[in-house]
Amino acid sequence: MRPISIEGFEKPKSVSAGAAPIPRCRPRLPASYRRHQNVDRIAREFSWSCFAPVVVSPVEGGKFAIIDGQHRTTSAAILGFDSVPCQIVIAAREEQAAAFKAINGTTTPISQMALHAAALVASEAWAVQIAHVCTCAEVELLRYPVPANKQAPGQTMAVGAIARCLKQYGEATLITALQCVTQTTNSQPGALSARTIKALCAVLHADHKRRDSGLALLEAFDAIDLMAIQDASAVDAALKKVGRVQAMADRVHAELSCLLPQQTGAQGTADRLTSSDDRTVSEVPIGRPKGGPNAETCCAASRQHLDQARVG
């Protein structure tokens, strides 16, 4: 047995821990337990309101061995607290490891959807930014799992994919990618999958000229069947030995190259928006009223593959 050690840790300059809870006891940390790097993170974000009681077991000498909560206890010690709230259980030494495994092995992981919902209530910056992006793109983030065929158009469970794409590609690319689903004929139940979002972001971010082509881009995606592309990507990925997202991105890029050639770039599209769409494009990269005209042309070879995918 040994006391809690804070050697090697740096005390945060300022922490707002809130009111300390009761009852409390002073547990000791067995040397056999390992400390982890997240101790520093817990210490810097320390708050008694988020501090679950540490599970301890009495040992010789009037001390307590920690069964669960080593990181929290070490973090509290770093901040200068000499006691923490505990739940005391009676367990022999050989039972303590089994108790540790049982407590930590049955922990229910928090879904990305629930985590975002809680962070949004707490007004955390990353959650607020994701909510803003989704509002711009008319996307509804679900808070619990819903089968794809039961989702309404515009709904998605892909919070993790949206967060990663926002960090990797930025708001402009992500909003445009989402709008290529929600403001086109692709706005169908289950269309906003994580793979689709990642593939669209990869394609659009690699070609800013097409990404910023406004209404012409939406009309092009009216003629691109993203659900069929997602189905076909499984075969493509196996044949080409690439990931599903890459396989989808390759197909989307091929169709987009036929539907929206480079020479129809941003200047021509700006003129077209002035004459055919009275929406002012500012913060939201692209947009149009619902039910706009459909694009009728498509790359013949690529469309043939998609037709085969639908039949299959």
Protein backbone atom coordinates (compact mmCIF):
# COMPACT_ATOMS: atom_id res chain seq x y z
CA MET A 1 0.00 0.00 0.00
CA ARG A 2 1.14 3.54 -0.67
CA PRO A 3 -0.34 7.03 -0.37
CA ILE A 4 -1.65 8.90 -3.40
CA SER A 5 1.32 10.38 -5.23
CA ILE A 6 1.16 13.52 -7.34
CA GLU A 7 4.80 13.39 -8.37
CA GLY A 8 5.24 14.29 -12.04
CA PHE A 9 1.91 16.08 -12.31
CA GLU A 10 1.49 19.83 -12.71
CA LYS A 11 -1.16 21.62 -10.70
CA PRO A 12 -3.49 23.72 -12.92
CA LYS A 13 -3.19 27.46 -12.40
CA SER A 14 -6.90 27.90 -11.76
CA VAL A 15 -9.74 25.46 -11.13
CA SER A 16 -13.37 26.07 -10.19
CA ALA A 17 -14.26 22.85 -8.38
CA GLY A 18 -17.45 24.07 -6.71
CA ALA A 19 -18.66 23.05 -3.25
CA ALA A 20 -17.05 19.90 -1.83
CA PRO A 21 -19.47 17.00 -1.17
CA ILE A 22 -19.82 14.85 1.98
CA PRO A 23 -19.27 12.24 3.39
CA ARG A 24 -15.58 11.81 2.70
CA CYS A 25 -12.74 9.46 3.57
CA ARG A 26 -9.04 9.25 2.82
CA PRO A 27 -8.29 6.25 0.59
CA ARG A 28 -4.85 4.88 -0.19
CA LEU A 29 -3.79 3.74 -3.66
CA PRO A 30 -2.37 0.18 -3.97
CA ALA A 31 0.92 0.12 -5.89
CA SER A 32 -0.41 -2.55 -8.26
CA TYR A 33 -2.82 -0.12 -9.93
CA ARG A 34 -1.56 1.85 -12.89
CA ARG A 35 -2.04 5.59 -13.39
CA HIS A 36 -3.03 6.87 -16.79
CA GLN A 37 -2.39 9.98 -18.79
CA ASN A 38 -5.94 11.27 -18.41
CA VAL A 39 -5.20 12.21 -14.78
CA ASP A 40 -3.91 15.56 -16.01
CA ARG A 41 -7.07 16.12 -18.04
CA ILE A 42 -9.35 15.32 -15.09
CA ALA A 43 -7.38 17.68 -12.87
CA ARG A 44 -7.64 20.57 -15.34
CA GLU A 45 -11.40 20.05 -15.74
CA PHE A 46 -12.03 19.16 -12.10
CA SER A 47 -15.49 19.82 -10.69
CA TRP A 48 -17.12 18.24 -7.64
CA SER A 49 -20.46 18.21 -9.48
CA CYS A 50 -18.93 15.72 -11.95
CA PHE A 51 -17.09 13.67 -9.30
CA ALA A 52 -18.66 10.23 -8.80
CA PRO A 53 -17.88 8.62 -5.42
CA VAL A 54 -14.73 6.51 -5.37
CA VAL A 55 -15.28 2.82 -4.53
CA VAL A 56 -12.96 1.71 -1.71
CA SER A 57 -12.45 -1.25 0.58
CA PRO A 58 -11.06 -1.09 4.14
CA VAL A 59 -7.64 -2.65 4.72
CA GLU A 60 -5.28 -2.99 7.66
CA GLY A 61 -4.23 0.09 9.59
CA GLY A 62 -7.52 1.93 9.19
CA LYS A 63 -6.80 2.70 5.55
CA PHE A 64 -8.79 2.18 2.37
CA ALA A 65 -7.76 0.55 -0.92
CA ILE A 66 -9.25 2.08 -4.06
CA ILE A 67 -11.20 -0.36 -6.18
CA ASP A 68 -12.51 2.21 -8.66
CA GLY A 69 -11.60 5.89 -8.98
CA GLN A 70 -7.79 6.01 -8.96
CA HIS A 71 -7.67 8.72 -11.62
CA ARG A 72 -10.23 10.92 -9.89
CA THR A 73 -8.52 10.53 -6.53
CA THR A 74 -5.08 11.34 -7.93
CA SER A 75 -6.50 14.40 -9.69
CA ALA A 76 -8.05 15.59 -6.42
CA ALA A 77 -4.70 15.13 -4.68
CA ILE A 78 -2.97 17.20 -7.38
CA LEU A 79 -5.34 20.05 -6.57
CA GLY A 80 -4.59 19.83 -2.87
CA PHE A 81 -7.73 18.07 -1.61
CA ASP A 82 -6.96 15.60 1.17
CA SER A 83 -10.23 13.64 1.00
CA VAL A 84 -12.82 12.60 -1.56
CA PRO A 85 -16.36 11.16 -1.37
CA CYS A 86 -16.27 7.36 -1.21
CA GLN A 87 -18.51 4.33 -1.30
CA ILE A 88 -17.14 1.69 1.07
CA VAL A 89 -17.49 -2.00 0.21
CA ILE A 90 -16.17 -5.00 2.12
CA ALA A 91 -13.84 -7.09 -0.07
CA ALA A 92 -10.85 -9.29 0.64
CA ARG A 93 -7.63 -8.43 -1.17
CA GLU A 94 -8.14 -11.13 -3.82
CA GLU A 95 -11.70 -9.89 -4.37
CA GLN A 96 -10.67 -6.30 -5.00
CA ALA A 97 -9.25 -6.95 -8.48
CA ALA A 98 -12.40 -8.89 -9.40
CA ALA A 99 -14.53 -6.01 -8.16
CA PHE A 100 -12.47 -3.54 -10.21
CA LYS A 101 -13.01 -5.64 -13.34
CA ALA A 102 -16.73 -6.02 -12.69
CA ILE A 103 -17.26 -2.28 -12.12
CA ASN A 104 -15.23 -1.10 -15.11
CA GLY A 105 -16.13 -3.95 -17.45
CA THR A 106 -19.87 -3.32 -17.26
CA THR A 107 -19.72 0.43 -17.82
CA THR A 108 -22.17 1.46 -20.54
CA PRO A 109 -20.42 3.61 -23.15
CA ILE A 110 -21.99 6.96 -23.94
CA SER A 111 -23.03 7.32 -27.58
CA GLN A 112 -21.77 10.22 -29.66
CA MET A 113 -25.40 11.34 -30.07
CA ALA A 114 -26.04 11.50 -26.32
CA LEU A 115 -22.65 13.11 -25.72
CA HIS A 116 -23.37 15.87 -28.23
CA ALA A 117 -26.85 16.47 -26.81
CA ALA A 118 -25.44 16.85 -23.29
CA ALA A 119 -22.60 19.08 -24.51
CA LEU A 120 -25.09 21.26 -26.37
CA VAL A 121 -27.12 21.79 -23.19
CA ALA A 122 -23.86 22.75 -21.48
CA SER A 123 -23.14 25.19 -24.36
CA GLU A 124 -19.78 23.62 -25.15
CA ALA A 125 -18.22 25.33 -28.16
CA TRP A 126 -17.75 22.22 -30.31
CA ALA A 127 -21.35 21.09 -29.82
CA VAL A 128 -22.74 24.56 -30.54
CA GLN A 129 -20.70 24.74 -33.77
CA ILE A 130 -22.00 21.36 -34.95
CA ALA A 131 -25.56 22.44 -34.19
CA HIS A 132 -25.00 25.63 -36.20
CA VAL A 133 -23.71 23.67 -39.19
CA CYS A 134 -26.67 21.30 -39.08
CA THR A 135 -29.13 24.19 -38.87
CA CYS A 136 -27.58 25.78 -41.95
CA ALA A 137 -27.84 22.51 -43.86
CA GLU A 138 -31.33 21.59 -42.56
CA VAL A 139 -30.00 18.48 -40.85
CA GLU A 140 -31.51 17.05 -37.65
CA LEU A 141 -29.13 15.23 -35.33
CA LEU A 142 -30.86 12.30 -33.66
CA ARG A 143 -30.36 11.83 -29.91
CA TYR A 144 -30.87 8.06 -29.92
CA PRO A 145 -30.46 5.24 -32.47
CA VAL A 146 -33.15 5.01 -35.14
CA PRO A 147 -33.04 2.44 -37.99
CA ALA A 148 -32.17 4.06 -41.32
CA ASN A 149 -35.51 3.13 -42.88
CA LYS A 150 -37.34 4.74 -39.94
CA GLN A 151 -35.51 8.05 -40.16
CA ALA A 152 -37.11 11.09 -41.75
CA PRO A 153 -35.30 12.85 -44.61
CA GLY A 154 -32.59 15.09 -43.19
CA GLN A 155 -32.14 13.08 -39.99
CA THR A 156 -28.84 11.42 -39.14
CA MET A 157 -27.06 9.56 -36.36
CA ALA A 158 -23.62 10.39 -37.82
CA VAL A 159 -22.59 12.90 -35.15
CA GLY A 160 -19.08 11.50 -35.01
CA ALA A 161 -18.59 11.77 -38.79
CA ILE A 162 -19.91 15.33 -38.81
CA ALA A 163 -17.56 16.31 -35.97
CA ARG A 164 -14.55 14.78 -37.74
CA CYS A 165 -15.41 16.37 -41.09
CA LEU A 166 -15.92 19.75 -39.45
CA LYS A 167 -12.46 19.53 -37.89
CA GLN A 168 -10.80 18.22 -41.07
CA TYR A 169 -12.55 20.22 -43.78
CA GLY A 170 -14.19 23.23 -42.11
CA GLU A 171 -17.72 24.65 -42.12
CA ALA A 172 -17.94 25.64 -45.80
CA THR A 173 -17.20 22.16 -47.13
CA LEU A 174 -19.31 20.36 -44.52
CA ILE A 175 -22.39 22.54 -44.95
CA THR A 176 -22.20 22.22 -48.74
CA ALA A 177 -21.78 18.44 -48.51
CA LEU A 178 -24.83 18.14 -46.25
CA GLN A 179 -26.88 20.39 -48.53
CA CYS A 180 -26.02 18.16 -51.49
CA VAL A 181 -28.23 15.63 -49.70
CA THR A 182 -30.87 17.71 -47.93
CA GLN A 183 -31.58 20.12 -50.83
CA THR A 184 -31.58 17.60 -53.67
CA THR A 185 -33.49 14.49 -54.71
CA ASN A 186 -31.15 12.56 -52.41
CA SER A 187 -33.05 13.79 -49.36
CA GLN A 188 -34.37 10.36 -48.38
CA PRO A 189 -34.56 8.34 -45.16
CA GLY A 190 -31.11 7.02 -44.26
CA ALA A 191 -29.27 9.06 -46.91
CA LEU A 192 -27.13 10.97 -44.40
CA SER A 193 -24.89 8.07 -43.42
CA ALA A 194 -21.41 8.58 -42.03
CA ARG A 195 -19.85 7.16 -45.22
CA THR A 196 -21.85 9.47 -47.47
CA ILE A 197 -20.97 12.55 -45.45
CA LYS A 198 -17.26 11.68 -45.40
CA ALA A 199 -17.19 10.89 -49.13
CA LEU A 200 -18.96 14.11 -50.12
CA CYS A 201 -16.66 16.21 -47.94
CA ALA A 202 -13.57 14.57 -49.43
CA VAL A 203 -14.75 15.18 -53.01
CA LEU A 204 -15.88 18.78 -52.50
CA HIS A 205 -12.89 19.82 -50.41
CA ALA A 206 -10.55 18.59 -53.14
CA ASP A 207 -12.28 20.85 -55.70
CA HIS A 208 -13.30 24.22 -54.27
CA LYS A 209 -14.41 25.48 -57.67
CA ARG A 210 -17.15 22.87 -57.89
CA ARG A 211 -17.88 23.15 -54.18
CA ASP A 212 -18.63 26.85 -54.57
CA SER A 213 -20.65 26.53 -57.81
CA GLY A 214 -23.97 27.15 -56.04
CA LEU A 215 -27.21 26.08 -57.69
CA ALA A 216 -25.38 24.24 -60.48
CA LEU A 217 -23.92 21.88 -57.89
CA LEU A 218 -27.32 21.10 -56.42
CA GLU A 219 -28.77 20.44 -59.86
CA ALA A 220 -25.89 18.08 -60.57
CA PHE A 221 -26.61 16.14 -57.39
CA ASP A 222 -30.26 15.84 -58.42
CA ALA A 223 -28.95 13.43 -61.06
CA ILE A 224 -26.57 11.57 -58.73
CA ASP A 225 -28.13 8.69 -56.81
CA LEU A 226 -26.15 8.64 -53.57
CA MET A 227 -28.07 5.68 -52.14
CA ALA A 228 -27.17 3.60 -55.20
CA ILE A 229 -23.57 4.75 -54.96
CA GLN A 230 -23.45 3.67 -51.32
CA ASP A 231 -24.76 0.21 -52.26
CA ALA A 232 -22.31 -0.13 -55.16
CA SER A 233 -19.36 0.96 -53.01
CA ALA A 234 -19.27 -2.41 -51.24
CA VAL A 235 -18.37 -4.18 -54.48
CA ASP A 236 -16.02 -1.37 -55.56
CA ALA A 237 -14.17 -1.50 -52.26
CA ALA A 238 -13.63 -5.26 -52.55
CA LEU A 239 -12.47 -5.11 -56.17
CA LYS A 240 -10.19 -2.09 -55.75
CA LYS A 241 -9.06 -3.02 -52.24
CA VAL A 242 -9.93 0.39 -50.87
CA GLY A 243 -12.21 1.60 -48.09
CA ARG A 244 -15.94 2.13 -48.61
CA VAL A 245 -15.62 5.90 -48.20
CA GLN A 246 -12.91 6.06 -50.87
CA ALA A 247 -15.00 3.87 -53.19
CA MET A 248 -17.97 6.22 -52.77
CA ALA A 249 -15.79 9.29 -53.27
CA ASP A 250 -14.44 7.85 -56.54
CA ARG A 251 -17.94 7.29 -57.93
CA VAL A 252 -19.21 10.70 -56.83
CA HIS A 253 -16.19 12.40 -58.38
CA ALA A 254 -16.66 10.52 -61.67
CA GLU A 255 -20.33 11.52 -61.97
CA LEU A 256 -19.72 15.09 -60.84
CA SER A 257 -16.97 15.49 -63.46
CA CYS A 258 -19.49 14.63 -66.18
CA LEU A 259 -22.38 16.66 -64.78
CA LEU A 260 -20.41 19.74 -63.77
CA PRO A 261 -17.33 20.17 -66.01
CA GLN A 262 -14.61 22.49 -64.78
CA GLN A 263 -15.29 25.11 -67.46
CA THR A 264 -18.70 25.84 -65.89
CA GLY A 265 -16.90 27.30 -62.87
CA ALA A 266 -17.82 29.87 -60.28
CA GLN A 267 -18.29 32.93 -62.52
CA GLY A 268 -20.86 31.32 -64.80
CA THR A 269 -22.68 29.89 -61.82
CA ALA A 270 -22.83 33.29 -60.15
CA ASP A 271 -24.58 34.69 -63.23
CA ARG A 272 -26.99 31.76 -63.20
CA LEU A 273 -27.85 32.30 -59.54
CA THR A 274 -28.68 35.94 -60.26
CA SER A 275 -31.18 35.05 -62.97
CA SER A 276 -32.75 31.83 -61.66
CA ASP A 277 -32.59 31.96 -57.87
CA ASP A 278 -33.43 34.98 -55.71
CA ARG A 279 -31.71 33.55 -52.63
CA THR A 280 -28.73 35.50 -51.30
CA VAL A 281 -25.82 33.16 -50.70
CA SER A 282 -23.74 34.39 -47.79
CA GLU A 283 -22.94 32.37 -44.67
CA VAL A 284 -24.45 29.18 -46.09
CA PRO A 285 -22.25 28.16 -49.03
CA ILE A 286 -25.07 27.05 -51.33
CA GLY A 287 -28.82 26.80 -51.26
CA ARG A 288 -32.06 26.97 -53.20
CA PRO A 289 -35.80 26.66 -52.71
CA LYS A 290 -37.11 23.11 -52.39
CA GLY A 291 -38.23 21.35 -55.56
CA GLY A 292 -35.82 23.01 -57.99
CA PRO A 293 -35.16 21.74 -61.52
CA ASN A 294 -33.44 18.39 -62.05
CA ALA A 295 -30.27 17.89 -64.04
CA GLU A 296 -30.94 15.40 -66.87
CA THR A 297 -27.48 14.46 -68.10
CA CYS A 298 -25.00 12.04 -66.55
CA CYS A 299 -21.85 10.14 -67.35
CA ALA A 300 -23.20 7.12 -69.26
CA ALA A 301 -20.64 4.61 -68.08
CA SER A 302 -21.01 5.57 -64.44
CA ARG A 303 -24.81 5.56 -64.64
CA GLN A 304 -24.74 2.06 -66.15
CA HIS A 305 -22.81 0.81 -63.13
CA LEU A 306 -25.32 2.42 -60.78
CA ASP A 307 -28.26 0.86 -62.63
CA GLN A 308 -26.59 -2.52 -62.19
CA ALA A 309 -26.18 -1.79 -58.49
CA ARG A 310 -29.89 -1.06 -58.15
CA VAL A 311 -30.82 -4.30 -59.90
CA GLY A 312 -28.36 -6.23 -57.69
